[in-house]
């Protein structure tokens, strides 16, 4: 996201332990190597461990793309708008860049081995950073399903809206429409801010905005 849209200071900037989030529902682990605020809003960089069979459903992001870099084991990426599945491995130096608005998904095709990959999200999108922290935080606090999603449909919709995440088909369209309404309610009632401050970071001050050249 553009740097002037950064609204919060991640707790991980001053506490390295808070750069790491874990989703016990699916046993994924993510470490933020660079927050968007540290790169002037150009990108954020996250390293993710995915358990056997784990992954995400088909989706797309409206305004930002992702580049996948395998670090351990093979990651399967369904790209090219969902028309091609690729196996990326560190031995082959493989990468794949997903463009904004491109349908894609990733998963661990192994039945026995963990995989680790890096993802560069560009431009940085602080709301998506918040989504990951809130999602993993809710599940870690016992408010998640066995599949690793929040139990609350309200929170699911709120996070989908925050991250500009869309899903395919009529159900995806209907979910996106509902998510916009829920997102507005979450902002008006302060629920989005409460979850952000609980799991991600605190509101940025004027002096910090000057320090990070965010004005």
Protein backbone atom coordinates (compact mmCIF):
# COMPACT_ATOMS: atom_id res chain seq x y z
CA UNK A 1 0.00 0.00 0.00
CA UNK A 2 1.24 3.55 -0.52
CA UNK A 3 3.25 4.66 2.53
CA UNK A 4 0.95 7.61 3.26
CA UNK A 5 -1.83 5.09 3.93
CA UNK A 6 0.04 3.45 6.84
CA UNK A 7 -2.09 4.01 9.92
CA UNK A 8 -0.42 1.86 12.58
CA UNK A 9 3.03 0.98 13.90
CA UNK A 10 3.49 -2.82 14.03
CA UNK A 11 4.44 -4.15 17.46
CA UNK A 12 7.06 -6.23 15.67
CA UNK A 13 9.15 -3.13 14.94
CA UNK A 14 10.30 -3.01 18.57
CA UNK A 15 9.63 -6.60 19.67
CA UNK A 16 11.14 -9.20 17.29
CA UNK A 17 9.03 -11.97 18.82
CA UNK A 18 5.93 -10.20 17.50
CA UNK A 19 7.15 -10.58 13.92
CA UNK A 20 6.18 -14.26 14.16
CA UNK A 21 2.58 -15.46 14.04
CA UNK A 22 1.27 -19.02 14.28
CA UNK A 23 -2.05 -20.47 13.18
CA UNK A 24 -2.62 -23.56 15.37
CA UNK A 25 -5.67 -24.55 13.33
CA UNK A 26 -3.53 -25.41 10.31
CA UNK A 27 -0.14 -25.17 12.08
CA UNK A 28 1.17 -22.57 9.66
CA UNK A 29 3.89 -20.21 10.86
CA UNK A 30 4.68 -16.81 9.32
CA UNK A 31 7.57 -14.47 10.07
CA UNK A 32 7.53 -10.89 8.82
CA UNK A 33 11.08 -10.22 7.65
CA UNK A 34 10.13 -6.73 6.47
CA UNK A 35 7.02 -4.71 7.23
CA UNK A 36 5.83 -2.29 4.58
CA UNK A 37 6.63 0.63 6.83
CA UNK A 38 10.30 -0.48 6.76
CA UNK A 39 10.48 -0.31 2.96
CA UNK A 40 8.77 3.02 2.42
CA UNK A 41 5.63 1.21 1.33
CA UNK A 42 7.32 -0.54 -1.59
CA UNK A 43 6.71 -4.09 -0.35
CA UNK A 44 6.47 -6.34 2.67
CA UNK A 45 8.30 -9.66 2.94
CA UNK A 46 7.07 -12.69 4.87
CA UNK A 47 8.45 -16.23 5.34
CA UNK A 48 5.80 -18.92 5.76
CA UNK A 49 5.89 -22.56 6.86
CA UNK A 50 3.01 -24.69 5.55
CA UNK A 51 2.21 -28.15 6.86
CA UNK A 52 1.50 -31.14 4.55
CA UNK A 53 -1.73 -30.59 2.63
CA UNK A 54 -2.06 -26.99 3.83
CA UNK A 55 -2.75 -24.02 1.60
CA UNK A 56 -5.32 -21.40 0.65
CA UNK A 57 -8.35 -21.45 -1.70
CA UNK A 58 -8.47 -19.70 -5.06
CA UNK A 59 -8.59 -15.93 -4.63
CA UNK A 60 -7.25 -12.63 -5.94
CA UNK A 61 -6.11 -9.27 -4.54
CA UNK A 62 -7.35 -6.05 -6.09
CA UNK A 63 -4.35 -3.74 -5.82
CA UNK A 64 -1.23 -5.74 -4.96
CA UNK A 65 0.66 -8.75 -6.25
CA UNK A 66 2.74 -11.52 -4.69
CA UNK A 67 5.98 -13.17 -5.71
CA UNK A 68 6.68 -16.66 -4.33
CA UNK A 69 10.21 -17.87 -3.54
CA UNK A 70 10.51 -21.52 -2.40
CA UNK A 71 12.99 -21.99 0.44
CA UNK A 72 12.41 -25.60 1.57
CA UNK A 73 10.53 -28.30 -0.31
CA UNK A 74 8.23 -27.79 -3.28
CA UNK A 75 5.39 -25.27 -3.19
CA UNK A 76 2.52 -25.72 -5.63
CA UNK A 77 1.21 -22.45 -7.06
CA UNK A 78 -1.90 -22.35 -9.21
CA UNK A 79 -1.36 -19.24 -11.33
CA UNK A 80 -2.07 -17.77 -14.75
CA UNK A 81 -5.60 -16.93 -13.55
CA UNK A 82 -6.05 -20.45 -12.21
CA UNK A 83 -5.16 -22.16 -15.48
CA UNK A 84 -1.77 -23.62 -14.64
CA UNK A 85 -0.28 -25.42 -11.63
CA UNK A 86 3.45 -25.03 -11.07
CA UNK A 87 5.78 -26.79 -8.65
CA UNK A 88 8.44 -24.38 -7.45
CA UNK A 89 11.60 -25.66 -5.78
CA UNK A 90 14.63 -23.92 -4.27
CA UNK A 91 16.98 -26.27 -6.12
CA UNK A 92 15.72 -24.91 -9.45
CA UNK A 93 15.71 -21.28 -8.27
CA UNK A 94 12.03 -21.09 -9.25
CA UNK A 95 9.84 -18.08 -8.55
CA UNK A 96 6.38 -17.02 -9.61
CA UNK A 97 4.93 -13.50 -9.60
CA UNK A 98 1.17 -13.09 -9.21
CA UNK A 99 -0.15 -9.86 -10.67
CA UNK A 100 -2.81 -7.71 -8.98
CA UNK A 101 -6.24 -9.06 -9.92
CA UNK A 102 -4.91 -12.50 -10.93
CA UNK A 103 -6.68 -15.59 -9.62
CA UNK A 104 -4.27 -17.85 -7.75
CA UNK A 105 -3.75 -20.17 -4.84
CA UNK A 106 -0.86 -22.04 -3.22
CA UNK A 107 -0.61 -25.30 -1.30
CA UNK A 108 1.80 -27.88 0.03
CA UNK A 109 1.49 -30.94 -2.23
CA UNK A 110 3.51 -33.16 0.11
CA UNK A 111 1.76 -35.61 2.42
CA UNK A 112 4.69 -35.84 4.81
CA UNK A 113 6.99 -32.80 4.59
CA UNK A 114 6.67 -29.18 5.66
CA UNK A 115 7.46 -26.52 3.07
CA UNK A 116 8.85 -23.03 3.60
CA UNK A 117 8.53 -20.17 1.14
CA UNK A 118 9.09 -16.42 1.08
CA UNK A 119 6.50 -14.07 -0.35
CA UNK A 120 7.06 -10.49 -1.43
CA UNK A 121 3.84 -8.46 -1.48
CA UNK A 122 4.20 -5.40 -3.70
CA UNK A 123 3.23 -2.66 -3.24
CA UNK A 124 3.05 -3.10 0.52
CA UNK A 125 -0.50 -3.23 1.83
CA UNK A 126 -0.74 -2.57 5.56
CA UNK A 127 -4.36 -3.70 5.74
CA UNK A 128 -3.27 -7.13 4.45
CA UNK A 129 -0.52 -7.22 7.08
CA UNK A 130 -3.22 -6.55 9.68
CA UNK A 131 -5.41 -9.29 8.21
CA UNK A 132 -2.73 -11.92 8.75
CA UNK A 133 -2.03 -10.83 12.32
CA UNK A 134 -5.72 -10.65 13.27
CA UNK A 135 -6.52 -13.96 11.56
CA UNK A 136 -3.69 -15.87 13.20
CA UNK A 137 -4.28 -14.06 16.51
CA UNK A 138 -7.96 -14.97 16.69
CA UNK A 139 -7.26 -18.62 15.91
CA UNK A 140 -4.37 -18.72 18.39
CA UNK A 141 -6.70 -17.35 21.08
CA UNK A 142 -9.17 -20.18 20.50
CA UNK A 143 -11.60 -18.29 18.27
CA UNK A 144 -10.88 -20.32 15.14
CA UNK A 145 -12.13 -23.35 13.24
CA UNK A 146 -10.08 -26.53 12.69
CA UNK A 147 -9.42 -25.20 9.17
CA UNK A 148 -7.66 -22.15 10.61
CA UNK A 149 -10.32 -19.48 9.99
CA UNK A 150 -12.12 -17.28 12.55
CA UNK A 151 -15.29 -18.88 13.94
CA UNK A 152 -17.07 -15.55 13.60
CA UNK A 153 -18.49 -14.98 10.12
CA UNK A 154 -18.43 -11.27 10.93
CA UNK A 155 -14.66 -11.41 11.44
CA UNK A 156 -14.21 -13.49 8.29
CA UNK A 157 -16.04 -10.86 6.26
CA UNK A 158 -14.22 -8.00 7.97
CA UNK A 159 -10.82 -9.51 7.16
CA UNK A 160 -11.80 -10.25 3.56
CA UNK A 161 -12.77 -6.62 3.10
CA UNK A 162 -9.64 -5.29 4.79
CA UNK A 163 -7.36 -7.38 2.59
CA UNK A 164 -9.22 -6.70 -0.65
CA UNK A 165 -9.54 -10.47 -1.09
CA UNK A 166 -12.06 -11.78 -3.64
CA UNK A 167 -13.18 -15.36 -4.33
CA UNK A 168 -14.46 -16.79 -7.63
CA UNK A 169 -18.03 -17.51 -8.74
CA UNK A 170 -21.40 -16.24 -7.61
CA UNK A 171 -20.72 -17.23 -4.02
CA UNK A 172 -17.51 -15.22 -4.15
CA UNK A 173 -19.35 -12.22 -5.58
CA UNK A 174 -22.05 -12.44 -2.89
CA UNK A 175 -19.41 -12.82 -0.20
CA UNK A 176 -17.57 -9.77 -1.52
CA UNK A 177 -20.74 -7.69 -1.49
CA UNK A 178 -21.53 -8.76 2.09
CA UNK A 179 -17.90 -8.14 3.12
CA UNK A 180 -18.16 -4.49 2.04
CA UNK A 181 -21.18 -3.99 4.30
CA UNK A 182 -19.53 -5.83 7.19
CA UNK A 183 -16.33 -3.86 6.64
CA UNK A 184 -18.23 -0.59 6.95
CA UNK A 185 -19.93 -1.80 10.15
CA UNK A 186 -16.59 -2.95 11.57
CA UNK A 187 -15.07 0.48 10.98
CA UNK A 188 -18.05 2.42 12.34
CA UNK A 189 -18.36 0.30 15.49
CA UNK A 190 -14.61 0.32 16.11
CA UNK A 191 -14.29 -3.49 15.92
CA UNK A 192 -11.69 -3.31 13.17
CA UNK A 193 -9.59 -0.89 15.22
CA UNK A 194 -9.95 -3.00 18.38
CA UNK A 195 -8.69 -6.11 16.64
CA UNK A 196 -5.89 -4.19 14.93
CA UNK A 197 -4.61 -2.75 18.22
CA UNK A 198 -4.94 -6.12 19.95
CA UNK A 199 -3.01 -8.15 17.41
CA UNK A 200 -1.05 -5.93 15.02
CA UNK A 201 0.02 -2.52 16.27
CA UNK A 202 -0.92 0.86 17.68
CA UNK A 203 -2.00 4.02 15.84
CA UNK A 204 0.87 5.98 14.35
CA UNK A 205 1.75 9.37 15.81
CA UNK A 206 2.59 12.54 13.91
CA UNK A 207 6.26 12.34 14.93
CA UNK A 208 6.46 8.72 13.75
CA UNK A 209 4.86 9.69 10.47
CA UNK A 210 7.63 12.25 10.02
CA UNK A 211 10.33 9.73 11.05
CA UNK A 212 9.17 7.17 8.53
CA UNK A 213 8.58 9.82 5.86
CA UNK A 214 4.90 8.98 5.69
CA UNK A 215 3.55 12.49 5.39
